[in-house]
Amino acid sequence: EGWNKKLSYCIAFSKDEVVDVTPRYSRRFNECLTRRTQCPELWLKEYLHTLRQASLSRVQPARRRVLEARWEVERRELVPRNIVDRETSWESGIALPGRQSGSAEWRAQRGET
């Protein structure tokens, strides 16, 4: 969080689902939307929905209920947010340290110092 990377898409895959989790990793989702030019947003949303329905059609009813419940939780968690203050955590408001891993030279090359 807070590495000042210009995120466009972050798609999560599992054996049961494919989910656009970009809002979870973008602190300024409105800005992120301006970089999402590979396909129309509505097309992406509908395509991922089609994949989800196809996945559901291949599982037993009990598993389907589990997946549907999980997707409902994901849907609520993935509400886009727009955080202006990059120096604080969006959850707690506590100031966050910079990257802790990697050498100083490597972090400098990536602009993460």
Foldseek 3Di string as FASTA:
>chain_A
DLQPDQDQWDWDDDPQAIHTLVLVVDQAVVSSPVVNDPDDPVVVVVVRVVSNVVSLVPDDPVVSVVVVVVVVVSVVSSDHHHDDDSQADPVPRDGDDWDDDDDPVVCVVVVGD
